[in-house]
Amino acid sequence: MDAPGMEDFTLLKQLKTNLESCILGKQAEVELLLTAVLAGGHVLLEDVPGTGKTVLIKALAKSVQGQFRRIQCNPDLLPTDITGVAIYHPKEETFMFRPGPVMTNILLADEINRATTKTQSALLEAMEEHSVTVDGDCHALPEPFILLATQNPIDFEGTYVLPEAQLDRFMMKFSLGYPDHETEKKMLFSQASGHPLDRLEPIADVRRITDLQQKVRQVHVDDAVADYVVSIARKTREHSSVFLGASPRATIALLQASKAFAYIREREYVIPDDIKFLTPYVFGHRMILHSEARIEGMTVESVLQSIFQQVRVPVRLEK
């Protein structure tokens, strides 16, 4: 891997500062979002209303000057409202493709679980293959393409649970949570003269993000670290409390995210601590526990902690 220039790390720090100015007290979550972006993955933000999910996504789009579209999901939303539709033009005597909001760099699917399962499935091809098929014709999406979806975990009326096939296509899932007392107090004054999002200045463009994604792919992964990732994934499938473990796609996603996380931390190699930190965010939403385990009080987090204790951490002895 070519040694990354200091301008890359400076850019990443500026991006973090930009996002943290709009969503106070959430440094770890901002870092997770940037990790997913650099790894080319999609993110599911699940949290109660008013915690800043949409603001964070808008701040990211504005910071990188990418094409941004927002879909407000509801039961009336049709698949063609997302992918686009072929319209017949009498003068040309042919059908012409009219692109939908999915043709963008950053797509916000707000309250994604309010869309019907048929409409949710319209995003499957876009998430995995970065293309959409309309009337038999395949249309490539712009690069980079990143889906950032939100959902409310409290209100279940009029919602449709995301199927496992779609959850598996999200690289990460995490929440923002409520701010602490001092942070919430700072929010009151930070918005006294207007919303920080209105004052946000662009830091980069999408071509720069694509360049960083290419550099992230070159981050070194030792064979022992790769074994560590696979061992954790296999343990999730073998654990007695787990009904559905992490898929091979999840294993690949964890390694890609770890590379991006190492790059953000200004390293050219992945260490086991990167894996341990990211595993709950990458594997957590993909794992389903047996009902008996849930009744006994087991959680995905507790299962992962027990797996970490069972898998040997690779160490390097210096002579």
C-alpha atoms as a PDB file:
ATOM      1  CA  MET A   1       0.000   0.000   0.000  1.00  0.00           C
ATOM      2  CA  ASP A   2       1.248   3.469  -0.824  1.00  0.00           C
ATOM      3  CA  ALA A   3       1.834   5.467   2.326  1.00  0.00           C
ATOM      4  CA  PRO A   4      -1.224   7.658   2.882  1.00  0.00           C
ATOM      5  CA  GLY A   5      -0.516  11.357   2.747  1.00  0.00           C
ATOM      6  CA  MET A   6      -1.134  13.633   5.685  1.00  0.00           C
ATOM      7  CA  GLU A   7      -3.737  15.440   3.599  1.00  0.00           C
ATOM      8  CA  ASP A   8      -5.893  12.304   3.782  1.00  0.00           C
ATOM      9  CA  PHE A   9      -5.824  12.250   7.568  1.00  0.00           C
ATOM     10  CA  THR A  10      -6.372  16.015   7.693  1.00  0.00           C
ATOM     11  CA  LEU A  11      -9.429  15.606   5.471  1.00  0.00           C
ATOM     12  CA  LEU A  12     -10.849  12.870   7.704  1.00  0.00           C
ATOM     13  CA  LYS A  13     -10.333  15.015  10.805  1.00  0.00           C
ATOM     14  CA  GLN A  14     -12.107  17.909   9.104  1.00  0.00           C
ATOM     15  CA  LEU A  15     -15.002  15.629   8.162  1.00  0.00           C
ATOM     16  CA  LYS A  16     -15.302  14.426  11.756  1.00  0.00           C
ATOM     17  CA  THR A  17     -15.223  18.016  13.027  1.00  0.00           C
ATOM     18  CA  ASN A  18     -17.907  19.002  10.526  1.00  0.00           C
ATOM     19  CA  LEU A  19     -20.248  16.222  11.588  1.00  0.00           C
ATOM     20  CA  GLU A  20     -19.579  16.693  15.303  1.00  0.00           C
ATOM     21  CA  SER A  21     -20.519  20.382  14.995  1.00  0.00           C
ATOM     22  CA  CYS A  22     -24.031  19.319  13.945  1.00  0.00           C
ATOM     23  CA  ILE A  23     -24.500  16.363  16.282  1.00  0.00           C
ATOM     24  CA  LEU A  24     -22.885  17.151  19.629  1.00  0.00           C
ATOM     25  CA  GLY A  25     -21.367  14.566  21.951  1.00  0.00           C
ATOM     26  CA  LYS A  26     -21.468  11.669  19.487  1.00  0.00           C
ATOM     27  CA  GLN A  27     -17.814  11.258  18.504  1.00  0.00           C
ATOM     28  CA  ALA A  28     -17.934   7.443  18.486  1.00  0.00           C
ATOM     29  CA  GLU A  29     -21.082   7.341  16.327  1.00  0.00           C
ATOM     30  CA  VAL A  30     -19.610   9.863  13.877  1.00  0.00           C
ATOM     31  CA  GLU A  31     -16.535   7.666  13.583  1.00  0.00           C
ATOM     32  CA  LEU A  32     -18.723   4.620  12.926  1.00  0.00           C
ATOM     33  CA  LEU A  33     -20.579   6.457  10.158  1.00  0.00           C
ATOM     34  CA  LEU A  34     -17.327   7.521   8.483  1.00  0.00           C
ATOM     35  CA  THR A  35     -16.028   3.966   8.829  1.00  0.00           C
ATOM     36  CA  ALA A  36     -19.029   2.636   6.905  1.00  0.00           C
ATOM     37  CA  VAL A  37     -18.688   5.350   4.250  1.00  0.00           C
ATOM     38  CA  LEU A  38     -14.995   4.610   3.644  1.00  0.00           C
ATOM     39  CA  ALA A  39     -15.739   0.872   3.565  1.00  0.00           C
ATOM     40  CA  GLY A  40     -18.499   1.449   0.996  1.00  0.00           C
ATOM     41  CA  GLY A  41     -21.183   0.016   3.270  1.00  0.00           C
ATOM     42  CA  HIS A  42     -24.762   0.923   4.129  1.00  0.00           C
ATOM     43  CA  VAL A  43     -25.938   1.960   7.601  1.00  0.00           C
ATOM     44  CA  LEU A  44     -29.161   1.428   9.549  1.00  0.00           C
ATOM     45  CA  LEU A  45     -29.741   3.981  12.321  1.00  0.00           C
ATOM     46  CA  GLU A  46     -32.334   2.747  14.791  1.00  0.00           C
ATOM     47  CA  ASP A  47     -33.343   5.206  17.474  1.00  0.00           C
ATOM     48  CA  VAL A  48     -36.225   7.131  18.990  1.00  0.00           C
ATOM     49  CA  PRO A  49     -37.396  10.323  17.230  1.00  0.00           C
ATOM     50  CA  GLY A  50     -35.510  13.559  17.724  1.00  0.00           C
ATOM     51  CA  THR A  51     -32.019  12.194  18.459  1.00  0.00           C
ATOM     52  CA  GLY A  52     -30.444  13.655  15.312  1.00  0.00           C
ATOM     53  CA  LYS A  53     -30.386  10.716  12.885  1.00  0.00           C
ATOM     54  CA  THR A  54     -31.515  12.742   9.877  1.00  0.00           C
ATOM     55  CA  VAL A  55     -29.339  15.713  10.825  1.00  0.00           C
ATOM     56  CA  LEU A  56     -26.232  13.509  10.914  1.00  0.00           C
ATOM     57  CA  ILE A  57     -26.965  12.093   7.462  1.00  0.00           C
ATOM     58  CA  LYS A  58     -27.678  15.532   5.983  1.00  0.00           C
ATOM     59  CA  ALA A  59     -24.435  16.846   7.499  1.00  0.00           C
ATOM     60  CA  LEU A  60     -22.511  14.038   5.815  1.00  0.00           C
ATOM     61  CA  ALA A  61     -24.095  14.744   2.409  1.00  0.00           C
ATOM     62  CA  LYS A  62     -23.382  18.451   2.694  1.00  0.00           C
ATOM     63  CA  SER A  63     -19.793  17.852   3.824  1.00  0.00           C
ATOM     64  CA  VAL A  64     -18.877  15.724   0.802  1.00  0.00           C
ATOM     65  CA  GLN A  65     -20.923  17.651  -1.806  1.00  0.00           C
ATOM     66  CA  GLY A  66     -22.501  14.449  -3.054  1.00  0.00           C
ATOM     67  CA  GLN A  67     -25.861  14.070  -4.736  1.00  0.00           C
ATOM     68  CA  PHE A  68     -28.379  13.631  -1.943  1.00  0.00           C
ATOM     69  CA  ARG A  69     -31.943  12.339  -2.101  1.00  0.00           C
ATOM     70  CA  ARG A  70     -34.411  11.602   0.654  1.00  0.00           C
ATOM     71  CA  ILE A  71     -37.264   9.109   0.635  1.00  0.00           C
ATOM     72  CA  GLN A  72     -39.914   9.460   3.319  1.00  0.00           C
ATOM     73  CA  CYS A  73     -41.120   5.883   3.600  1.00  0.00           C
ATOM     74  CA  ASN A  74     -44.794   5.105   4.187  1.00  0.00           C
ATOM     75  CA  PRO A  75     -47.177   2.252   3.272  1.00  0.00           C
ATOM     76  CA  ASP A  76     -48.289   4.067   0.087  1.00  0.00           C
ATOM     77  CA  LEU A  77     -44.751   4.202  -1.339  1.00  0.00           C
ATOM     78  CA  LEU A  78     -44.339   2.071  -4.482  1.00  0.00           C
ATOM     79  CA  PRO A  79     -41.148   0.330  -5.688  1.00  0.00           C
ATOM     80  CA  THR A  80     -41.094   2.562  -8.788  1.00  0.00           C
ATOM     81  CA  ASP A  81     -41.155   5.615  -6.487  1.00  0.00           C
ATOM     82  CA  ILE A  82     -37.630   4.533  -5.536  1.00  0.00           C
ATOM     83  CA  THR A  83     -36.141   2.920  -8.634  1.00  0.00           C
ATOM     84  CA  GLY A  84     -37.780   5.030 -11.321  1.00  0.00           C
ATOM     85  CA  VAL A  85     -40.121   4.040 -14.115  1.00  0.00           C
ATOM     86  CA  ALA A  86     -40.142   3.632 -17.900  1.00  0.00           C
ATOM     87  CA  ILE A  87     -42.534   6.146 -19.502  1.00  0.00           C
ATOM     88  CA  TYR A  88     -43.850   5.890 -23.067  1.00  0.00           C
ATOM     89  CA  HIS A  89     -43.127   8.914 -25.251  1.00  0.00           C
ATOM     90  CA  PRO A  90     -45.584   9.019 -28.206  1.00  0.00           C
ATOM     91  CA  LYS A  91     -43.356  11.357 -30.240  1.00  0.00           C
ATOM     92  CA  GLU A  92     -40.328   9.078 -29.939  1.00  0.00           C
ATOM     93  CA  GLU A  93     -42.533   5.972 -30.040  1.00  0.00           C
ATOM     94  CA  THR A  94     -40.413   4.363 -27.359  1.00  0.00           C
ATOM     95  CA  PHE A  95     -40.181   3.908 -23.613  1.00  0.00           C
ATOM     96  CA  MET A  96     -37.715   6.178 -21.823  1.00  0.00           C
ATOM     97  CA  PHE A  97     -36.361   5.584 -18.346  1.00  0.00           C
ATOM     98  CA  ARG A  98     -37.198   8.235 -15.782  1.00  0.00           C
ATOM     99  CA  PRO A  99     -34.781   7.705 -12.862  1.00  0.00           C
ATOM    100  CA  GLY A 100     -36.012   7.644  -9.291  1.00  0.00           C
ATOM    101  CA  PRO A 101     -34.369   9.048  -6.164  1.00  0.00           C
ATOM    102  CA  VAL A 102     -32.137   5.948  -5.867  1.00  0.00           C
ATOM    103  CA  MET A 103     -29.950   7.464  -8.614  1.00  0.00           C
ATOM    104  CA  THR A 104     -27.807   9.412  -6.189  1.00  0.00           C
ATOM    105  CA  ASN A 105     -24.633   9.197  -4.088  1.00  0.00           C
ATOM    106  CA  ILE A 106     -26.232   9.351  -0.662  1.00  0.00           C
ATOM    107  CA  LEU A 107     -29.788   8.084  -0.222  1.00  0.00           C
ATOM    108  CA  LEU A 108     -31.684   8.649   3.013  1.00  0.00           C
ATOM    109  CA  ALA A 109     -34.531   6.186   3.510  1.00  0.00           C
ATOM    110  CA  ASP A 110     -36.313   7.772   6.448  1.00  0.00           C
ATOM    111  CA  GLU A 111     -38.381   5.385   8.603  1.00  0.00           C
ATOM    112  CA  ILE A 112     -37.618   2.529   6.225  1.00  0.00           C
ATOM    113  CA  ASN A 113     -39.747   0.077   8.216  1.00  0.00           C
ATOM    114  CA  ARG A 114     -42.888   2.066   7.319  1.00  0.00           C
ATOM    115  CA  ALA A 115     -42.542   0.973   3.684  1.00  0.00           C
ATOM    116  CA  THR A 116     -44.176  -2.309   2.661  1.00  0.00           C
ATOM    117  CA  THR A 117     -42.019  -5.371   2.154  1.00  0.00           C
ATOM    118  CA  LYS A 118     -42.500  -5.114  -1.617  1.00  0.00           C
ATOM    119  CA  THR A 119     -41.160  -1.568  -1.609  1.00  0.00           C
ATOM    120  CA  GLN A 120     -38.312  -2.484   0.759  1.00  0.00           C
ATOM    121  CA  SER A 121     -37.255  -5.215  -1.675  1.00  0.00           C
ATOM    122  CA  ALA A 122     -36.764  -2.580  -4.389  1.00  0.00           C
ATOM    123  CA  LEU A 123     -33.619  -1.553  -2.506  1.00  0.00           C
ATOM    124  CA  LEU A 124     -32.055  -5.040  -2.369  1.00  0.00           C
ATOM    125  CA  GLU A 125     -30.435  -4.915  -5.812  1.00  0.00           C
ATOM    126  CA  ALA A 126     -29.302  -1.325  -5.276  1.00  0.00           C
ATOM    127  CA  MET A 127     -27.646  -2.184  -1.957  1.00  0.00           C
ATOM    128  CA  GLU A 128     -25.801  -5.262  -3.187  1.00  0.00           C
ATOM    129  CA  GLU A 129     -25.097  -4.649  -6.872  1.00  0.00           C
ATOM    130  CA  HIS A 130     -25.294  -0.833  -7.080  1.00  0.00           C
ATOM    131  CA  SER A 131     -27.811  -1.046  -9.895  1.00  0.00           C
ATOM    132  CA  VAL A 132     -31.572  -1.194 -10.455  1.00  0.00           C
ATOM    133  CA  THR A 133     -33.537  -3.170 -13.035  1.00  0.00           C
ATOM    134  CA  VAL A 134     -36.628  -1.543 -14.534  1.00  0.00           C
ATOM    135  CA  ASP A 135     -38.635  -3.333 -17.230  1.00  0.00           C
ATOM    136  CA  GLY A 136     -35.742  -5.704 -17.879  1.00  0.00           C
ATOM    137  CA  ASP A 137     -33.135  -2.959 -18.327  1.00  0.00           C
ATOM    138  CA  CYS A 138     -30.303  -2.655 -15.791  1.00  0.00           C
ATOM    139  CA  HIS A 139     -29.261   0.864 -14.782  1.00  0.00           C
ATOM    140  CA  ALA A 140     -26.021   1.442 -12.861  1.00  0.00           C
ATOM    141  CA  LEU A 141     -26.092   3.745  -9.838  1.00  0.00           C
ATOM    142  CA  PRO A 142     -23.636   6.624  -9.367  1.00  0.00           C
ATOM    143  CA  GLU A 143     -20.438   5.870  -7.462  1.00  0.00           C
ATOM    144  CA  PRO A 144     -20.172   6.009  -4.584  1.00  0.00           C
ATOM    145  CA  PHE A 145     -23.661   4.883  -3.591  1.00  0.00           C
ATOM    146  CA  ILE A 146     -24.476   4.709   0.114  1.00  0.00           C
ATOM    147  CA  LEU A 147     -27.863   3.966   1.649  1.00  0.00           C
ATOM    148  CA  LEU A 148     -28.434   5.440   5.098  1.00  0.00           C
ATOM    149  CA  ALA A 149     -31.727   4.292   6.574  1.00  0.00           C
ATOM    150  CA  THR A 150     -33.484   5.177   9.815  1.00  0.00           C
ATOM    151  CA  GLN A 151     -36.179   3.425  11.777  1.00  0.00           C
ATOM    152  CA  ASN A 152     -38.053   3.975  15.030  1.00  0.00           C
ATOM    153  CA  PRO A 153     -37.775   1.028  17.454  1.00  0.00           C
ATOM    154  CA  ILE A 154     -40.715   2.166  19.593  1.00  0.00           C
ATOM    155  CA  ASP A 155     -43.702   2.723  17.285  1.00  0.00           C
ATOM    156  CA  PHE A 156     -44.645  -0.595  15.662  1.00  0.00           C
ATOM    157  CA  GLU A 157     -48.088   0.423  14.387  1.00  0.00           C
ATOM    158  CA  GLY A 158     -48.105   0.626  10.607  1.00  0.00           C
ATOM    159  CA  THR A 159     -44.562  -0.752  10.273  1.00  0.00           C
ATOM    160  CA  TYR A 160     -43.110  -3.740   8.435  1.00  0.00           C
ATOM    161  CA  VAL A 161     -40.176  -5.593   9.962  1.00  0.00           C
ATOM    162  CA  LEU A 162     -37.097  -5.627   7.734  1.00  0.00           C
ATOM    163  CA  PRO A 163     -36.451  -9.190   6.513  1.00  0.00           C
ATOM    164  CA  GLU A 164     -33.142 -10.892   7.327  1.00  0.00           C
ATOM    165  CA  ALA A 165     -32.075 -10.670   3.657  1.00  0.00           C
ATOM    166  CA  GLN A 166     -32.248  -6.878   3.794  1.00  0.00           C
ATOM    167  CA  LEU A 167     -30.723  -6.530   7.264  1.00  0.00           C
ATOM    168  CA  ASP A 168     -27.782  -8.589   6.027  1.00  0.00           C
ATOM    169  CA  ARG A 169     -27.093  -5.967   3.357  1.00  0.00           C
ATOM    170  CA  PHE A 170     -26.542  -3.232   5.940  1.00  0.00           C
ATOM    171  CA  MET A 171     -22.896  -3.169   6.912  1.00  0.00           C
ATOM    172  CA  MET A 172     -23.653  -1.591  10.292  1.00  0.00           C
ATOM    173  CA  LYS A 173     -26.494  -0.847  12.623  1.00  0.00           C
ATOM    174  CA  PHE A 174     -26.189   1.501  15.579  1.00  0.00           C
ATOM    175  CA  SER A 175     -28.059   4.118  17.606  1.00  0.00           C
ATOM    176  CA  LEU A 176     -27.230   7.667  18.621  1.00  0.00           C
ATOM    177  CA  GLY A 177     -28.979   7.673  21.982  1.00  0.00           C
ATOM    178  CA  TYR A 178     -29.852  10.638  24.153  1.00  0.00           C
ATOM    179  CA  PRO A 179     -27.161  13.246  24.915  1.00  0.00           C
ATOM    180  CA  ASP A 180     -25.859  13.740  28.430  1.00  0.00           C
ATOM    181  CA  HIS A 181     -26.884  16.760  30.541  1.00  0.00           C
ATOM    182  CA  GLU A 182     -24.024  19.084  29.539  1.00  0.00           C
ATOM    183  CA  THR A 183     -24.257  18.199  25.833  1.00  0.00           C
ATOM    184  CA  GLU A 184     -27.999  18.835  25.745  1.00  0.00           C
ATOM    185  CA  LYS A 185     -27.403  22.183  27.414  1.00  0.00           C
ATOM    186  CA  LYS A 186     -24.833  23.091  24.737  1.00  0.00           C
ATOM    187  CA  MET A 187     -27.429  22.235  22.084  1.00  0.00           C
ATOM    188  CA  LEU A 188     -29.720  24.939  23.420  1.00  0.00           C
ATOM    189  CA  PHE A 189     -27.117  27.634  22.808  1.00  0.00           C
ATOM    190  CA  SER A 190     -25.652  26.179  19.593  1.00  0.00           C
ATOM    191  CA  GLN A 191     -29.016  26.609  17.854  1.00  0.00           C
ATOM    192  CA  ALA A 192     -29.854  30.024  19.306  1.00  0.00           C
ATOM    193  CA  SER A 193     -28.820  31.823  16.097  1.00  0.00           C
ATOM    194  CA  GLY A 194     -29.805  29.092  13.643  1.00  0.00           C
ATOM    195  CA  HIS A 195     -29.196  25.424  13.013  1.00  0.00           C
ATOM    196  CA  PRO A 196     -25.518  24.398  12.701  1.00  0.00           C
ATOM    197  CA  LEU A 197     -26.419  22.506   9.513  1.00  0.00           C
ATOM    198  CA  ASP A 198     -27.156  25.814   7.801  1.00  0.00           C
ATOM    199  CA  ARG A 199     -23.620  27.041   8.550  1.00  0.00           C
ATOM    200  CA  LEU A 200     -21.880  23.854   7.440  1.00  0.00           C
ATOM    201  CA  GLU A 201     -19.227  24.226   4.745  1.00  0.00           C
ATOM    202  CA  PRO A 202     -18.260  21.429   2.305  1.00  0.00           C
ATOM    203  CA  ILE A 203     -14.971  19.687   3.058  1.00  0.00           C
ATOM    204  CA  ALA A 204     -14.526  17.388   0.042  1.00  0.00           C
ATOM    205  CA  ASP A 205     -16.298  16.034  -3.008  1.00  0.00           C
ATOM    206  CA  VAL A 206     -17.459  12.523  -3.810  1.00  0.00           C
ATOM    207  CA  ARG A 207     -14.455  11.844  -6.046  1.00  0.00           C
ATOM    208  CA  ARG A 208     -12.243  12.380  -3.009  1.00  0.00           C
ATOM    209  CA  ILE A 209     -14.343   9.898  -1.046  1.00  0.00           C
ATOM    210  CA  THR A 210     -13.994   7.348  -3.849  1.00  0.00           C
ATOM    211  CA  ASP A 211     -10.227   7.859  -3.751  1.00  0.00           C
ATOM    212  CA  LEU A 212     -10.187   7.241   0.012  1.00  0.00           C
ATOM    213  CA  GLN A 213     -12.279   4.087  -0.457  1.00  0.00           C
ATOM    214  CA  GLN A 214      -9.643   2.757  -2.859  1.00  0.00           C
ATOM    215  CA  LYS A 215      -6.881   3.426  -0.320  1.00  0.00           C
ATOM    216  CA  VAL A 216      -8.857   1.718   2.434  1.00  0.00           C
ATOM    217  CA  ARG A 217      -9.004  -1.484   0.361  1.00  0.00           C
ATOM    218  CA  GLN A 218      -5.203  -1.595   0.431  1.00  0.00           C
ATOM    219  CA  VAL A 219      -4.927  -1.568   4.237  1.00  0.00           C
ATOM    220  CA  HIS A 220      -2.922  -4.630   5.310  1.00  0.00           C
ATOM    221  CA  VAL A 221      -4.643  -7.539   7.046  1.00  0.00           C
ATOM    222  CA  ASP A 222      -2.388 -10.177   8.584  1.00  0.00           C
ATOM    223  CA  ASP A 223      -3.317 -13.818   8.024  1.00  0.00           C
ATOM    224  CA  ALA A 224      -3.729 -14.296  11.786  1.00  0.00           C
ATOM    225  CA  VAL A 225      -6.176 -11.376  11.959  1.00  0.00           C
ATOM    226  CA  ALA A 226      -8.181 -12.833   9.063  1.00  0.00           C
ATOM    227  CA  ASP A 227      -8.332 -16.153  10.958  1.00  0.00           C
ATOM    228  CA  TYR A 228      -9.590 -14.226  13.994  1.00  0.00           C
ATOM    229  CA  VAL A 229     -12.445 -12.701  11.968  1.00  0.00           C
ATOM    230  CA  VAL A 230     -13.483 -16.056  10.504  1.00  0.00           C
ATOM    231  CA  SER A 231     -13.286 -17.779  13.901  1.00  0.00           C
ATOM    232  CA  ILE A 232     -15.637 -15.210  15.456  1.00  0.00           C
ATOM    233  CA  ALA A 233     -18.090 -15.548  12.557  1.00  0.00           C
ATOM    234  CA  ARG A 234     -18.099 -19.356  12.777  1.00  0.00           C
ATOM    235  CA  LYS A 235     -18.638 -19.254  16.552  1.00  0.00           C
ATOM    236  CA  THR A 236     -21.805 -17.192  16.030  1.00  0.00           C
ATOM    237  CA  ARG A 237     -23.178 -20.045  13.906  1.00  0.00           C
ATOM    238  CA  GLU A 238     -22.171 -22.749  16.385  1.00  0.00           C
ATOM    239  CA  HIS A 239     -23.232 -21.068  19.633  1.00  0.00           C
ATOM    240  CA  SER A 240     -26.023 -22.925  21.419  1.00  0.00           C
ATOM    241  CA  SER A 241     -28.000 -19.713  22.062  1.00  0.00           C
ATOM    242  CA  VAL A 242     -27.922 -18.537  18.441  1.00  0.00           C
ATOM    243  CA  PHE A 243     -30.611 -19.513  15.928  1.00  0.00           C
ATOM    244  CA  LEU A 244     -29.103 -17.529  13.016  1.00  0.00           C
ATOM    245  CA  GLY A 245     -25.431 -16.522  13.019  1.00  0.00           C
ATOM    246  CA  ALA A 246     -23.358 -14.153  10.916  1.00  0.00           C
ATOM    247  CA  SER A 247     -23.312 -14.830   7.172  1.00  0.00           C
ATOM    248  CA  PRO A 248     -20.213 -14.925   4.940  1.00  0.00           C
ATOM    249  CA  ARG A 249     -21.326 -11.478   3.729  1.00  0.00           C
ATOM    250  CA  ALA A 250     -21.106 -10.310   7.336  1.00  0.00           C
ATOM    251  CA  THR A 251     -17.557 -11.703   7.618  1.00  0.00           C
ATOM    252  CA  ILE A 252     -16.497  -9.729   4.538  1.00  0.00           C
ATOM    253  CA  ALA A 253     -18.248  -6.614   5.847  1.00  0.00           C
ATOM    254  CA  LEU A 254     -16.439  -6.864   9.205  1.00  0.00           C
ATOM    255  CA  LEU A 255     -13.051  -7.053   7.516  1.00  0.00           C
ATOM    256  CA  GLN A 256     -13.856  -4.138   5.186  1.00  0.00           C
ATOM    257  CA  ALA A 257     -15.092  -2.036   8.112  1.00  0.00           C
ATOM    258  CA  SER A 258     -11.985  -2.907  10.126  1.00  0.00           C
ATOM    259  CA  LYS A 259      -9.767  -1.690   7.292  1.00  0.00           C
ATOM    260  CA  ALA A 260     -11.642   1.622   7.176  1.00  0.00           C
ATOM    261  CA  PHE A 261     -11.541   1.964  10.963  1.00  0.00           C
ATOM    262  CA  ALA A 262      -7.766   1.360  10.976  1.00  0.00           C
ATOM    263  CA  TYR A 263      -7.338   3.975   8.244  1.00  0.00           C
ATOM    264  CA  ILE A 264      -9.330   6.541  10.221  1.00  0.00           C
ATOM    265  CA  ARG A 265      -7.067   5.777  13.192  1.00  0.00           C
ATOM    266  CA  GLU A 266      -4.097   6.580  10.897  1.00  0.00           C
ATOM    267  CA  ARG A 267      -2.870   2.996  10.640  1.00  0.00           C
ATOM    268  CA  GLU A 268      -1.951   0.978   7.539  1.00  0.00           C
ATOM    269  CA  TYR A 269      -2.855  -2.340   9.175  1.00  0.00           C
ATOM    270  CA  VAL A 270      -5.748  -3.916  11.096  1.00  0.00           C
ATOM    271  CA  ILE A 271      -5.335  -5.027  14.706  1.00  0.00           C
ATOM    272  CA  PRO A 272      -7.574  -7.407  16.732  1.00  0.00           C
ATOM    273  CA  ASP A 273      -8.944  -4.500  18.783  1.00  0.00           C
ATOM    274  CA  ASP A 274     -10.467  -3.077  15.588  1.00  0.00           C
ATOM    275  CA  ILE A 275     -12.307  -6.362  15.076  1.00  0.00           C
ATOM    276  CA  LYS A 276     -13.575  -6.563  18.662  1.00  0.00           C
ATOM    277  CA  PHE A 277     -14.812  -2.976  18.638  1.00  0.00           C
ATOM    278  CA  LEU A 278     -16.712  -3.259  15.350  1.00  0.00           C
ATOM    279  CA  THR A 279     -18.161  -6.779  15.683  1.00  0.00           C
ATOM    280  CA  PRO A 280     -21.285  -5.759  17.701  1.00  0.00           C
ATOM    281  CA  TYR A 281     -22.162  -3.098  15.102  1.00  0.00           C
ATOM    282  CA  VAL A 282     -21.555  -5.394  12.107  1.00  0.00           C
ATOM    283  CA  PHE A 283     -22.795  -8.743  13.450  1.00  0.00           C
ATOM    284  CA  GLY A 284     -25.375  -7.596  16.025  1.00  0.00           C
ATOM    285  CA  HIS A 285     -28.319  -6.974  13.681  1.00  0.00           C
ATOM    286  CA  ARG A 286     -27.607 -10.156  11.721  1.00  0.00           C
ATOM    287  CA  MET A 287     -27.814 -12.541  14.673  1.00  0.00           C
ATOM    288  CA  ILE A 288     -31.065 -14.073  15.949  1.00  0.00           C
ATOM    289  CA  LEU A 289     -31.176 -15.846  19.299  1.00  0.00           C
ATOM    290  CA  HIS A 290     -33.293 -18.859  20.191  1.00  0.00           C
ATOM    291  CA  SER A 291     -36.474 -17.923  22.056  1.00  0.00           C
ATOM    292  CA  GLU A 292     -35.308 -19.983  25.037  1.00  0.00           C
ATOM    293  CA  ALA A 293     -32.106 -17.943  25.234  1.00  0.00           C
ATOM    294  CA  ARG A 294     -34.051 -14.667  25.150  1.00  0.00           C
ATOM    295  CA  ILE A 295     -36.344 -15.889  27.927  1.00  0.00           C
ATOM    296  CA  GLU A 296     -33.267 -16.671  30.016  1.00  0.00           C
ATOM    297  CA  GLY A 297     -32.101 -13.073  29.576  1.00  0.00           C
ATOM    298  CA  MET A 298     -29.446 -13.647  26.939  1.00  0.00           C
ATOM    299  CA  THR A 299     -28.735 -10.823  24.501  1.00  0.00           C
ATOM    300  CA  VAL A 300     -26.710 -10.610  21.314  1.00  0.00           C
ATOM    301  CA  GLU A 301     -24.161  -8.478  23.167  1.00  0.00           C
ATOM    302  CA  SER A 302     -23.711 -11.061  25.942  1.00  0.00           C
ATOM    303  CA  VAL A 303     -23.371 -13.858  23.378  1.00  0.00           C
ATOM    304  CA  LEU A 304     -20.686 -11.926  21.504  1.00  0.00           C
ATOM    305  CA  GLN A 305     -18.806 -11.299  24.758  1.00  0.00           C
ATOM    306  CA  SER A 306     -18.792 -15.037  25.471  1.00  0.00           C
ATOM    307  CA  ILE A 307     -17.545 -15.691  21.930  1.00  0.00           C
ATOM    308  CA  PHE A 308     -14.693 -13.201  22.384  1.00  0.00           C
ATOM    309  CA  GLN A 309     -13.622 -15.169  25.450  1.00  0.00           C
ATOM    310  CA  GLN A 310     -13.628 -18.439  23.479  1.00  0.00           C
ATOM    311  CA  VAL A 311     -11.653 -17.250  20.449  1.00  0.00           C
ATOM    312  CA  ARG A 312      -7.923 -16.814  20.887  1.00  0.00           C
ATOM    313  CA  VAL A 313      -6.707 -13.306  20.138  1.00  0.00           C
ATOM    314  CA  PRO A 314      -3.750 -13.313  17.736  1.00  0.00           C
ATOM    315  CA  VAL A 315      -0.599 -11.785  19.211  1.00  0.00           C
ATOM    316  CA  ARG A 316       2.720 -10.975  17.620  1.00  0.00           C
ATOM    317  CA  LEU A 317       5.852 -11.701  19.624  1.00  0.00           C
ATOM    318  CA  GLU A 318       8.749  -9.388  18.879  1.00  0.00           C
ATOM    319  CA  LYS A 319      12.208 -10.971  19.110  1.00  0.00           C
END
